[in-house]
Amino acid sequence: MEDLDKTLDIMERDKCTSLLAENSVRLKKNNIKFTKSNQKHSQEHLDAQLDSYERLIRSLIRGLVTIERKVRLKYLVPLDSVRANKLRASWNTEVECVLEDLKKKYRDVHLQRRSVEEFDERVSLNLQAAKISVDTEVTNLQQKLEDEIGSSEKIQPSELSRLYGVDESVLIDLQVIDPLQNLHILCKKLKDSGLEEVSLIPINDIIKMYVDKIKSVESSVWSGRSVDQRKETKMRAAKLNLNLKEIVLCLHDLTKQATLEKEKRNEEVILKIRNNLDKIFKSEADPEPFQNTLEPFWSVLT
């Protein structure tokens, strides 16, 4: 999953940049606060700045772990040892850069105040603690991902792509991977409760039919004789993709209602979803195939 690693690297780099910017804002606020009170470079001022850097390091490690875990769980990709070692090295480098920035800005001040030994010791202790934290967090992350992915009922995005005939990149852009994964879990729950599988077929069929519709429109883009015609076709394809996302979300919510006991279902929500789907289907020249395909599933909700 080299592409996923590259995506994670970009996301984590952006997170680092964001946290560094937040720290910069805190430092400036502290400078203003202590300068106004004639306490610039006082012990309280220097302690506040050091506290800000320590907070940055904690947030950095926590934020990077969260990104790595969240994305890998979404795509059901474990953390291998090569990637884990790379994370340890790169995250430790980030921490070292943070502490180097701290030393660059405030070591000379401590030198003038004759507190440089205490400052150096605290920086050293922070570096040691951060490296231990990074190693521990990466090791724990590896184990947690292995356990959670191993027990996950979610379908791989690549399998969703194969099942519906949609590129993974499109699924990502439409932000429908999570809803589709959860939709399949809900369908399994319904089957386990005794519902016949034939009643659930319309859910997948509707999505596949709409995907075919989108592909048909997309394939006709370059058949337009003018730029305006091609532009209009592209806009229609884009609209259909948005409709596909809405269909997936509607089917997810509808299936979720079906998993509830009959008396706990929200009839208003179900009616709203039905009206929304009908509106999407009726925007097509021939809505009946879509409506007829989904019709058997409505009986599950009655």
C-alpha atoms as a PDB file:
ATOM      1  CA  MET A   1       0.000   0.000   0.000  1.00  0.00           C
ATOM      2  CA  GLU A   2       2.660   2.476  -1.098  1.00  0.00           C
ATOM      3  CA  ASP A   3       0.025   4.989  -2.205  1.00  0.00           C
ATOM      4  CA  LEU A   4      -1.612   4.863   1.223  1.00  0.00           C
ATOM      5  CA  ASP A   5       1.726   5.480   2.922  1.00  0.00           C
ATOM      6  CA  LYS A   6       2.303   8.502   0.684  1.00  0.00           C
ATOM      7  CA  THR A   7      -1.152   9.831   1.523  1.00  0.00           C
ATOM      8  CA  LEU A   8      -0.485   9.334   5.230  1.00  0.00           C
ATOM      9  CA  ASP A   9       2.858  11.118   4.933  1.00  0.00           C
ATOM     10  CA  ILE A  10       1.124  14.139   3.406  1.00  0.00           C
ATOM     11  CA  MET A  11      -1.619  14.144   6.041  1.00  0.00           C
ATOM     12  CA  GLU A  12       0.906  13.842   8.856  1.00  0.00           C
ATOM     13  CA  ARG A  13       3.076  16.576   7.381  1.00  0.00           C
ATOM     14  CA  ASP A  14       0.037  18.847   7.241  1.00  0.00           C
ATOM     15  CA  LYS A  15      -0.770  17.977  10.857  1.00  0.00           C
ATOM     16  CA  CYS A  16       2.756  18.885  11.924  1.00  0.00           C
ATOM     17  CA  THR A  17       2.534  22.195  10.081  1.00  0.00           C
ATOM     18  CA  SER A  18      -0.791  22.969  11.749  1.00  0.00           C
ATOM     19  CA  LEU A  19       0.499  22.176  15.243  1.00  0.00           C
ATOM     20  CA  LEU A  20       3.664  24.205  14.683  1.00  0.00           C
ATOM     21  CA  ALA A  21       1.509  27.157  13.665  1.00  0.00           C
ATOM     22  CA  GLU A  22      -0.595  26.763  16.818  1.00  0.00           C
ATOM     23  CA  ASN A  23       2.550  26.732  18.923  1.00  0.00           C
ATOM     24  CA  SER A  24       3.816  29.856  17.191  1.00  0.00           C
ATOM     25  CA  VAL A  25       0.570  31.642  18.066  1.00  0.00           C
ATOM     26  CA  ARG A  26       0.869  30.582  21.722  1.00  0.00           C
ATOM     27  CA  LEU A  27       4.459  31.815  21.888  1.00  0.00           C
ATOM     28  CA  LYS A  28       3.493  35.203  20.459  1.00  0.00           C
ATOM     29  CA  LYS A  29       0.630  35.551  22.923  1.00  0.00           C
ATOM     30  CA  ASN A  30       2.982  34.745  25.781  1.00  0.00           C
ATOM     31  CA  ASN A  31       5.486  37.296  24.499  1.00  0.00           C
ATOM     32  CA  ILE A  32       2.821  39.989  24.379  1.00  0.00           C
ATOM     33  CA  LYS A  33       1.462  39.063  27.799  1.00  0.00           C
ATOM     34  CA  PHE A  34       4.797  39.086  29.605  1.00  0.00           C
ATOM     35  CA  THR A  35       6.178  42.096  27.724  1.00  0.00           C
ATOM     36  CA  LYS A  36       3.161  44.182  28.704  1.00  0.00           C
ATOM     37  CA  SER A  37       3.685  43.280  32.350  1.00  0.00           C
ATOM     38  CA  ASN A  38       7.429  44.031  32.137  1.00  0.00           C
ATOM     39  CA  GLN A  39       8.251  40.358  32.667  1.00  0.00           C
ATOM     40  CA  LYS A  40       9.842  39.566  29.330  1.00  0.00           C
ATOM     41  CA  HIS A  41      12.360  36.718  29.716  1.00  0.00           C
ATOM     42  CA  SER A  42      11.409  36.319  33.354  1.00  0.00           C
ATOM     43  CA  GLN A  43      11.391  32.800  34.754  1.00  0.00           C
ATOM     44  CA  GLU A  44       7.610  32.722  34.437  1.00  0.00           C
ATOM     45  CA  HIS A  45       7.840  33.784  30.788  1.00  0.00           C
ATOM     46  CA  LEU A  46      10.474  31.183  29.954  1.00  0.00           C
ATOM     47  CA  ASP A  47       8.538  28.469  31.782  1.00  0.00           C
ATOM     48  CA  ALA A  48       5.417  29.348  29.798  1.00  0.00           C
ATOM     49  CA  GLN A  49       7.313  29.062  26.516  1.00  0.00           C
ATOM     50  CA  LEU A  50       8.830  25.741  27.524  1.00  0.00           C
ATOM     51  CA  ASP A  51       5.399  24.473  28.554  1.00  0.00           C
ATOM     52  CA  SER A  52       4.113  25.430  25.101  1.00  0.00           C
ATOM     53  CA  TYR A  53       6.817  23.369  23.398  1.00  0.00           C
ATOM     54  CA  GLU A  54       6.120  20.402  25.662  1.00  0.00           C
ATOM     55  CA  ARG A  55       2.439  20.682  24.799  1.00  0.00           C
ATOM     56  CA  LEU A  56       3.384  20.768  21.119  1.00  0.00           C
ATOM     57  CA  ILE A  57       5.348  17.529  21.439  1.00  0.00           C
ATOM     58  CA  ARG A  58       2.480  15.742  23.201  1.00  0.00           C
ATOM     59  CA  SER A  59      -0.032  16.971  20.620  1.00  0.00           C
ATOM     60  CA  LEU A  60       2.301  16.012  17.794  1.00  0.00           C
ATOM     61  CA  ILE A  61       2.696  12.402  18.879  1.00  0.00           C
ATOM     62  CA  ARG A  62      -0.997  12.024  19.711  1.00  0.00           C
ATOM     63  CA  GLY A  63      -2.103  13.624  16.438  1.00  0.00           C
ATOM     64  CA  LEU A  64       0.180  11.506  14.253  1.00  0.00           C
ATOM     65  CA  VAL A  65      -0.928   8.296  15.959  1.00  0.00           C
ATOM     66  CA  THR A  66      -4.576   9.256  15.470  1.00  0.00           C
ATOM     67  CA  ILE A  67      -4.123   9.884  11.741  1.00  0.00           C
ATOM     68  CA  GLU A  68      -2.233   6.637  11.179  1.00  0.00           C
ATOM     69  CA  ARG A  69      -4.794   4.608  13.124  1.00  0.00           C
ATOM     70  CA  LYS A  70      -7.911   6.215  11.655  1.00  0.00           C
ATOM     71  CA  VAL A  71      -6.833   5.912   8.024  1.00  0.00           C
ATOM     72  CA  ARG A  72      -5.494   2.375   8.359  1.00  0.00           C
ATOM     73  CA  LEU A  73      -8.692   1.214  10.026  1.00  0.00           C
ATOM     74  CA  LYS A  74     -10.728   2.838   7.278  1.00  0.00           C
ATOM     75  CA  TYR A  75      -8.847   0.959   4.571  1.00  0.00           C
ATOM     76  CA  LEU A  76      -8.203  -2.119   6.733  1.00  0.00           C
ATOM     77  CA  VAL A  77      -4.445  -1.935   6.202  1.00  0.00           C
ATOM     78  CA  PRO A  78      -2.245  -3.062   9.121  1.00  0.00           C
ATOM     79  CA  LEU A  79       0.994  -1.363  10.130  1.00  0.00           C
ATOM     80  CA  ASP A  80       3.947  -3.470   9.005  1.00  0.00           C
ATOM     81  CA  SER A  81       7.349  -3.383  10.682  1.00  0.00           C
ATOM     82  CA  VAL A  82       9.003  -1.413   7.867  1.00  0.00           C
ATOM     83  CA  ARG A  83       6.433   1.365   8.104  1.00  0.00           C
ATOM     84  CA  ALA A  84       6.537   1.242  11.910  1.00  0.00           C
ATOM     85  CA  ASN A  85      10.298   1.796  11.944  1.00  0.00           C
ATOM     86  CA  LYS A  86       9.926   4.618   9.440  1.00  0.00           C
ATOM     87  CA  LEU A  87       7.342   6.260  11.703  1.00  0.00           C
ATOM     88  CA  ARG A  88       9.615   5.971  14.721  1.00  0.00           C
ATOM     89  CA  ALA A  89      12.446   7.635  12.822  1.00  0.00           C
ATOM     90  CA  SER A  90      10.377  10.416  11.243  1.00  0.00           C
ATOM     91  CA  TRP A  91       8.391  11.227  14.387  1.00  0.00           C
ATOM     92  CA  ASN A  92      11.564  11.341  16.480  1.00  0.00           C
ATOM     93  CA  THR A  93      13.028  13.701  13.895  1.00  0.00           C
ATOM     94  CA  GLU A  94       9.981  15.953  14.239  1.00  0.00           C
ATOM     95  CA  VAL A  95      10.457  16.039  18.017  1.00  0.00           C
ATOM     96  CA  GLU A  96      14.157  16.798  17.647  1.00  0.00           C
ATOM     97  CA  CYS A  97      13.360  19.685  15.290  1.00  0.00           C
ATOM     98  CA  VAL A  98      10.871  21.084  17.799  1.00  0.00           C
ATOM     99  CA  LEU A  99      13.429  20.991  20.592  1.00  0.00           C
ATOM    100  CA  GLU A 100      16.121  22.468  18.345  1.00  0.00           C
ATOM    101  CA  ASP A 101      13.792  25.374  17.655  1.00  0.00           C
ATOM    102  CA  LEU A 102      13.279  25.788  21.399  1.00  0.00           C
ATOM    103  CA  LYS A 103      17.032  25.848  22.008  1.00  0.00           C
ATOM    104  CA  LYS A 104      17.630  28.252  19.143  1.00  0.00           C
ATOM    105  CA  LYS A 105      15.126  30.746  20.528  1.00  0.00           C
ATOM    106  CA  TYR A 106      15.729  30.517  24.274  1.00  0.00           C
ATOM    107  CA  ARG A 107      19.083  28.894  25.128  1.00  0.00           C
ATOM    108  CA  ASP A 108      20.964  32.185  24.883  1.00  0.00           C
ATOM    109  CA  VAL A 109      18.442  33.788  27.228  1.00  0.00           C
ATOM    110  CA  HIS A 110      19.015  31.019  29.755  1.00  0.00           C
ATOM    111  CA  LEU A 111      22.746  31.448  29.268  1.00  0.00           C
ATOM    112  CA  GLN A 112      22.423  35.102  30.250  1.00  0.00           C
ATOM    113  CA  ARG A 113      20.278  34.164  33.234  1.00  0.00           C
ATOM    114  CA  ARG A 114      22.783  31.474  34.256  1.00  0.00           C
ATOM    115  CA  SER A 115      20.072  28.823  34.100  1.00  0.00           C
ATOM    116  CA  VAL A 116      21.357  27.083  30.984  1.00  0.00           C
ATOM    117  CA  GLU A 117      22.257  23.850  32.783  1.00  0.00           C
ATOM    118  CA  GLU A 118      18.722  23.405  34.059  1.00  0.00           C
ATOM    119  CA  PHE A 119      17.394  24.318  30.615  1.00  0.00           C
ATOM    120  CA  ASP A 120      19.638  21.816  28.822  1.00  0.00           C
ATOM    121  CA  GLU A 121      18.694  19.101  31.283  1.00  0.00           C
ATOM    122  CA  ARG A 122      14.988  19.714  30.805  1.00  0.00           C
ATOM    123  CA  VAL A 123      15.373  19.676  27.015  1.00  0.00           C
ATOM    124  CA  SER A 124      17.313  16.421  27.248  1.00  0.00           C
ATOM    125  CA  LEU A 125      14.679  14.855  29.495  1.00  0.00           C
ATOM    126  CA  ASN A 126      11.944  15.951  27.102  1.00  0.00           C
ATOM    127  CA  LEU A 127      13.766  14.332  24.201  1.00  0.00           C
ATOM    128  CA  GLN A 128      14.246  11.072  26.094  1.00  0.00           C
ATOM    129  CA  ALA A 129      10.616  10.983  27.224  1.00  0.00           C
ATOM    130  CA  ALA A 130       9.370  11.767  23.720  1.00  0.00           C
ATOM    131  CA  LYS A 131      11.441   8.981  22.148  1.00  0.00           C
ATOM    132  CA  ILE A 132      10.108   6.502  24.685  1.00  0.00           C
ATOM    133  CA  SER A 133       6.580   7.752  23.993  1.00  0.00           C
ATOM    134  CA  VAL A 134       7.023   7.434  20.215  1.00  0.00           C
ATOM    135  CA  ASP A 135       8.351   3.890  20.502  1.00  0.00           C
ATOM    136  CA  THR A 136       5.559   2.872  22.877  1.00  0.00           C
ATOM    137  CA  GLU A 137       2.810   4.492  20.804  1.00  0.00           C
ATOM    138  CA  VAL A 138       3.987   2.929  17.537  1.00  0.00           C
ATOM    139  CA  THR A 139       4.283  -0.511  19.140  1.00  0.00           C
ATOM    140  CA  ASN A 140       0.814  -0.212  20.678  1.00  0.00           C
ATOM    141  CA  LEU A 141      -0.584   1.075  17.391  1.00  0.00           C
ATOM    142  CA  GLN A 142       0.777  -1.948  15.548  1.00  0.00           C
ATOM    143  CA  GLN A 143      -0.864  -4.331  17.988  1.00  0.00           C
ATOM    144  CA  LYS A 144      -4.187  -2.494  18.129  1.00  0.00           C
ATOM    145  CA  LEU A 145      -4.451  -2.326  14.354  1.00  0.00           C
ATOM    146  CA  GLU A 146      -3.659  -6.020  14.061  1.00  0.00           C
ATOM    147  CA  ASP A 147      -6.361  -6.866  16.604  1.00  0.00           C
ATOM    148  CA  GLU A 148      -9.009  -4.491  15.253  1.00  0.00           C
ATOM    149  CA  ILE A 149      -8.463  -5.255  11.575  1.00  0.00           C
ATOM    150  CA  GLY A 150      -8.365  -8.972  12.293  1.00  0.00           C
ATOM    151  CA  SER A 151     -11.749  -8.820  13.992  1.00  0.00           C
ATOM    152  CA  SER A 152     -13.273  -6.255  11.638  1.00  0.00           C
ATOM    153  CA  GLU A 153     -16.350  -7.148   9.617  1.00  0.00           C
ATOM    154  CA  LYS A 154     -15.725  -4.315   7.190  1.00  0.00           C
ATOM    155  CA  ILE A 155     -15.168  -4.976   3.507  1.00  0.00           C
ATOM    156  CA  GLN A 156     -11.906  -3.807   1.970  1.00  0.00           C
ATOM    157  CA  PRO A 157     -12.263  -0.686  -0.229  1.00  0.00           C
ATOM    158  CA  SER A 158     -10.717  -2.699  -3.075  1.00  0.00           C
ATOM    159  CA  GLU A 159     -13.536  -5.240  -2.715  1.00  0.00           C
ATOM    160  CA  LEU A 160     -16.134  -2.448  -2.742  1.00  0.00           C
ATOM    161  CA  SER A 161     -14.513  -1.149  -5.911  1.00  0.00           C
ATOM    162  CA  ARG A 162     -14.751  -4.584  -7.527  1.00  0.00           C
ATOM    163  CA  LEU A 163     -18.300  -5.199  -6.313  1.00  0.00           C
ATOM    164  CA  TYR A 164     -19.756  -1.953  -7.643  1.00  0.00           C
ATOM    165  CA  GLY A 165     -17.410  -1.310 -10.543  1.00  0.00           C
ATOM    166  CA  VAL A 166     -16.249   2.039  -9.176  1.00  0.00           C
ATOM    167  CA  ASP A 167     -12.615   3.107  -8.872  1.00  0.00           C
ATOM    168  CA  GLU A 168     -11.351   3.398  -5.309  1.00  0.00           C
ATOM    169  CA  SER A 169     -10.359   6.998  -6.001  1.00  0.00           C
ATOM    170  CA  VAL A 170     -13.988   7.805  -6.855  1.00  0.00           C
ATOM    171  CA  LEU A 171     -15.213   6.118  -3.665  1.00  0.00           C
ATOM    172  CA  ILE A 172     -12.730   8.215  -1.720  1.00  0.00           C
ATOM    173  CA  ASP A 173     -13.729  11.447  -3.467  1.00  0.00           C
ATOM    174  CA  LEU A 174     -17.418  10.763  -2.827  1.00  0.00           C
ATOM    175  CA  GLN A 175     -16.669   9.834   0.804  1.00  0.00           C
ATOM    176  CA  VAL A 176     -18.809   6.707   0.598  1.00  0.00           C
ATOM    177  CA  ILE A 177     -16.357   4.046   1.764  1.00  0.00           C
ATOM    178  CA  ASP A 178     -17.497   4.187   5.397  1.00  0.00           C
ATOM    179  CA  PRO A 179     -21.225   4.205   4.527  1.00  0.00           C
ATOM    180  CA  LEU A 180     -20.797   1.284   2.121  1.00  0.00           C
ATOM    181  CA  GLN A 181     -18.754  -0.709   4.627  1.00  0.00           C
ATOM    182  CA  ASN A 182     -21.350  -0.086   7.319  1.00  0.00           C
ATOM    183  CA  LEU A 183     -24.162  -0.856   4.876  1.00  0.00           C
ATOM    184  CA  HIS A 184     -22.755  -4.341   4.339  1.00  0.00           C
ATOM    185  CA  ILE A 185     -22.427  -4.862   8.088  1.00  0.00           C
ATOM    186  CA  LEU A 186     -26.077  -3.855   8.526  1.00  0.00           C
ATOM    187  CA  CYS A 187     -27.144  -6.229   5.746  1.00  0.00           C
ATOM    188  CA  LYS A 188     -25.248  -9.052   7.429  1.00  0.00           C
ATOM    189  CA  LYS A 189     -27.007  -8.203  10.675  1.00  0.00           C
ATOM    190  CA  LEU A 190     -30.372  -8.471   8.914  1.00  0.00           C
ATOM    191  CA  LYS A 191     -29.433 -11.820   7.365  1.00  0.00           C
ATOM    192  CA  ASP A 192     -28.259 -13.125  10.728  1.00  0.00           C
ATOM    193  CA  SER A 193     -31.618 -12.113  12.188  1.00  0.00           C
ATOM    194  CA  GLY A 194     -33.390 -14.382   9.714  1.00  0.00           C
ATOM    195  CA  LEU A 195     -34.190 -12.054   6.812  1.00  0.00           C
ATOM    196  CA  GLU A 196     -33.947 -13.794   3.452  1.00  0.00           C
ATOM    197  CA  GLU A 197     -30.997 -12.642   1.382  1.00  0.00           C
ATOM    198  CA  VAL A 198     -33.232 -12.097  -1.634  1.00  0.00           C
ATOM    199  CA  SER A 199     -34.823  -9.163   0.213  1.00  0.00           C
ATOM    200  CA  LEU A 200     -31.443  -7.425   0.399  1.00  0.00           C
ATOM    201  CA  ILE A 201     -30.438  -7.886  -3.236  1.00  0.00           C
ATOM    202  CA  PRO A 202     -32.216  -4.657  -4.341  1.00  0.00           C
ATOM    203  CA  ILE A 203     -29.833  -2.574  -2.221  1.00  0.00           C
ATOM    204  CA  ASN A 204     -26.746  -3.630  -4.152  1.00  0.00           C
ATOM    205  CA  ASP A 205     -28.612  -3.742  -7.450  1.00  0.00           C
ATOM    206  CA  ILE A 206     -29.719  -0.116  -7.160  1.00  0.00           C
ATOM    207  CA  ILE A 207     -26.152   1.054  -6.589  1.00  0.00           C
ATOM    208  CA  LYS A 208     -24.849  -1.023  -9.502  1.00  0.00           C
ATOM    209  CA  MET A 209     -27.600   0.258 -11.795  1.00  0.00           C
ATOM    210  CA  TYR A 210     -26.812   3.855 -10.966  1.00  0.00           C
ATOM    211  CA  VAL A 211     -23.088   3.259 -11.463  1.00  0.00           C
ATOM    212  CA  ASP A 212     -23.872   1.854 -14.916  1.00  0.00           C
ATOM    213  CA  LYS A 213     -25.902   4.981 -15.628  1.00  0.00           C
ATOM    214  CA  ILE A 214     -22.966   7.189 -14.647  1.00  0.00           C
ATOM    215  CA  LYS A 215     -20.549   5.207 -16.811  1.00  0.00           C
ATOM    216  CA  SER A 216     -22.909   5.502 -19.761  1.00  0.00           C
ATOM    217  CA  VAL A 217     -23.004   9.277 -19.426  1.00  0.00           C
ATOM    218  CA  GLU A 218     -19.243   9.559 -18.852  1.00  0.00           C
ATOM    219  CA  SER A 219     -18.517   7.475 -21.946  1.00  0.00           C
ATOM    220  CA  SER A 220     -20.522   9.899 -24.081  1.00  0.00           C
ATOM    221  CA  VAL A 221     -18.610  13.017 -23.034  1.00  0.00           C
ATOM    222  CA  TRP A 222     -16.393  13.129 -26.109  1.00  0.00           C
ATOM    223  CA  SER A 223     -19.233  12.377 -28.483  1.00  0.00           C
ATOM    224  CA  GLY A 224     -20.375  15.973 -28.075  1.00  0.00           C
ATOM    225  CA  ARG A 225     -19.591  18.025 -31.144  1.00  0.00           C
ATOM    226  CA  SER A 226     -19.038  21.292 -29.322  1.00  0.00           C
ATOM    227  CA  VAL A 227     -17.230  22.384 -26.187  1.00  0.00           C
ATOM    228  CA  ASP A 228     -20.550  23.387 -24.632  1.00  0.00           C
ATOM    229  CA  GLN A 229     -22.054  19.964 -25.302  1.00  0.00           C
ATOM    230  CA  ARG A 230     -19.081  18.207 -23.735  1.00  0.00           C
ATOM    231  CA  LYS A 231     -19.167  20.569 -20.766  1.00  0.00           C
ATOM    232  CA  GLU A 232     -22.871  19.895 -20.269  1.00  0.00           C
ATOM    233  CA  THR A 233     -22.289  16.133 -20.328  1.00  0.00           C
ATOM    234  CA  LYS A 234     -19.456  16.422 -17.800  1.00  0.00           C
ATOM    235  CA  MET A 235     -21.678  18.462 -15.505  1.00  0.00           C
ATOM    236  CA  ARG A 236     -24.403  15.836 -15.805  1.00  0.00           C
ATOM    237  CA  ALA A 237     -21.911  13.099 -14.905  1.00  0.00           C
ATOM    238  CA  ALA A 238     -20.787  15.111 -11.878  1.00  0.00           C
ATOM    239  CA  LYS A 239     -24.403  15.542 -10.790  1.00  0.00           C
ATOM    240  CA  LEU A 240     -25.017  11.809 -11.143  1.00  0.00           C
ATOM    241  CA  ASN A 241     -21.991  11.081  -8.963  1.00  0.00           C
ATOM    242  CA  LEU A 242     -23.422  13.323  -6.262  1.00  0.00           C
ATOM    243  CA  ASN A 243     -26.733  11.507  -6.638  1.00  0.00           C
ATOM    244  CA  LEU A 244     -24.884   8.215  -6.206  1.00  0.00           C
ATOM    245  CA  LYS A 245     -23.477   9.450  -2.917  1.00  0.00           C
ATOM    246  CA  GLU A 246     -26.956  10.466  -1.782  1.00  0.00           C
ATOM    247  CA  ILE A 247     -28.354   7.069  -2.803  1.00  0.00           C
ATOM    248  CA  VAL A 248     -25.686   5.270  -0.765  1.00  0.00           C
ATOM    249  CA  LEU A 249     -26.396   7.423   2.286  1.00  0.00           C
ATOM    250  CA  CYS A 250     -30.148   6.908   1.912  1.00  0.00           C
ATOM    251  CA  LEU A 251     -29.789   3.140   1.569  1.00  0.00           C
ATOM    252  CA  HIS A 252     -27.503   3.066   4.603  1.00  0.00           C
ATOM    253  CA  ASP A 253     -30.012   4.963   6.746  1.00  0.00           C
ATOM    254  CA  LEU A 254     -32.888   2.897   5.383  1.00  0.00           C
ATOM    255  CA  THR A 255     -31.126  -0.366   6.196  1.00  0.00           C
ATOM    256  CA  LYS A 256     -30.306   0.939   9.649  1.00  0.00           C
ATOM    257  CA  GLN A 257     -34.017   1.511  10.221  1.00  0.00           C
ATOM    258  CA  ALA A 258     -34.697  -2.048   9.050  1.00  0.00           C
ATOM    259  CA  THR A 259     -32.394  -3.442  11.749  1.00  0.00           C
ATOM    260  CA  LEU A 260     -34.531  -1.842  14.458  1.00  0.00           C
ATOM    261  CA  GLU A 261     -37.546  -3.477  16.016  1.00  0.00           C
ATOM    262  CA  LYS A 262     -40.699  -2.448  14.175  1.00  0.00           C
ATOM    263  CA  GLU A 263     -42.034  -0.285  16.999  1.00  0.00           C
ATOM    264  CA  LYS A 264     -38.715   1.565  17.257  1.00  0.00           C
ATOM    265  CA  ARG A 265     -38.525   2.542  13.598  1.00  0.00           C
ATOM    266  CA  ASN A 266     -39.010   6.179  12.688  1.00  0.00           C
ATOM    267  CA  GLU A 267     -41.717   6.286  10.039  1.00  0.00           C
ATOM    268  CA  GLU A 268     -41.056   9.958   9.307  1.00  0.00           C
ATOM    269  CA  VAL A 269     -37.407   9.220   8.567  1.00  0.00           C
ATOM    270  CA  ILE A 270     -38.333   6.273   6.353  1.00  0.00           C
ATOM    271  CA  LEU A 271     -40.857   8.372   4.415  1.00  0.00           C
ATOM    272  CA  LYS A 272     -38.335  11.185   4.010  1.00  0.00           C
ATOM    273  CA  ILE A 273     -35.755   8.747   2.647  1.00  0.00           C
ATOM    274  CA  ARG A 274     -38.292   7.240   0.249  1.00  0.00           C
ATOM    275  CA  ASN A 275     -39.277  10.665  -1.052  1.00  0.00           C
ATOM    276  CA  ASN A 276     -35.628  11.603  -1.460  1.00  0.00           C
ATOM    277  CA  LEU A 277     -34.876   8.445  -3.446  1.00  0.00           C
ATOM    278  CA  ASP A 278     -37.987   8.913  -5.589  1.00  0.00           C
ATOM    279  CA  LYS A 279     -36.867  12.458  -6.339  1.00  0.00           C
ATOM    280  CA  ILE A 280     -33.457  11.212  -7.489  1.00  0.00           C
ATOM    281  CA  PHE A 281     -34.952   8.424  -9.602  1.00  0.00           C
ATOM    282  CA  LYS A 282     -37.537  10.738 -11.182  1.00  0.00           C
ATOM    283  CA  SER A 283     -34.760  13.045 -12.330  1.00  0.00           C
ATOM    284  CA  GLU A 284     -33.966  10.309 -14.861  1.00  0.00           C
ATOM    285  CA  ALA A 285     -35.819   9.926 -18.153  1.00  0.00           C
ATOM    286  CA  ASP A 286     -36.984   6.455 -17.112  1.00  0.00           C
ATOM    287  CA  PRO A 287     -37.271   6.173 -13.314  1.00  0.00           C
ATOM    288  CA  GLU A 288     -39.339   2.960 -13.245  1.00  0.00           C
ATOM    289  CA  PRO A 289     -36.434   0.462 -13.418  1.00  0.00           C
ATOM    290  CA  PHE A 290     -34.906   2.031 -10.299  1.00  0.00           C
ATOM    291  CA  GLN A 291     -38.215   2.239  -8.447  1.00  0.00           C
ATOM    292  CA  ASN A 292     -39.198  -1.313  -9.385  1.00  0.00           C
ATOM    293  CA  THR A 293     -35.813  -2.700  -8.354  1.00  0.00           C
ATOM    294  CA  LEU A 294     -36.007  -1.177  -4.890  1.00  0.00           C
ATOM    295  CA  GLU A 295     -39.690  -1.975  -4.346  1.00  0.00           C
ATOM    296  CA  PRO A 296     -39.129  -5.432  -2.731  1.00  0.00           C
ATOM    297  CA  PHE A 297     -37.008  -3.867   0.004  1.00  0.00           C
ATOM    298  CA  TRP A 298     -39.839  -1.622   1.169  1.00  0.00           C
ATOM    299  CA  SER A 299     -41.691  -4.725   2.325  1.00  0.00           C
ATOM    300  CA  VAL A 300     -38.901  -5.291   4.854  1.00  0.00           C
ATOM    301  CA  LEU A 301     -39.871  -2.010   6.507  1.00  0.00           C
ATOM    302  CA  THR A 302     -43.619  -2.659   6.670  1.00  0.00           C
END
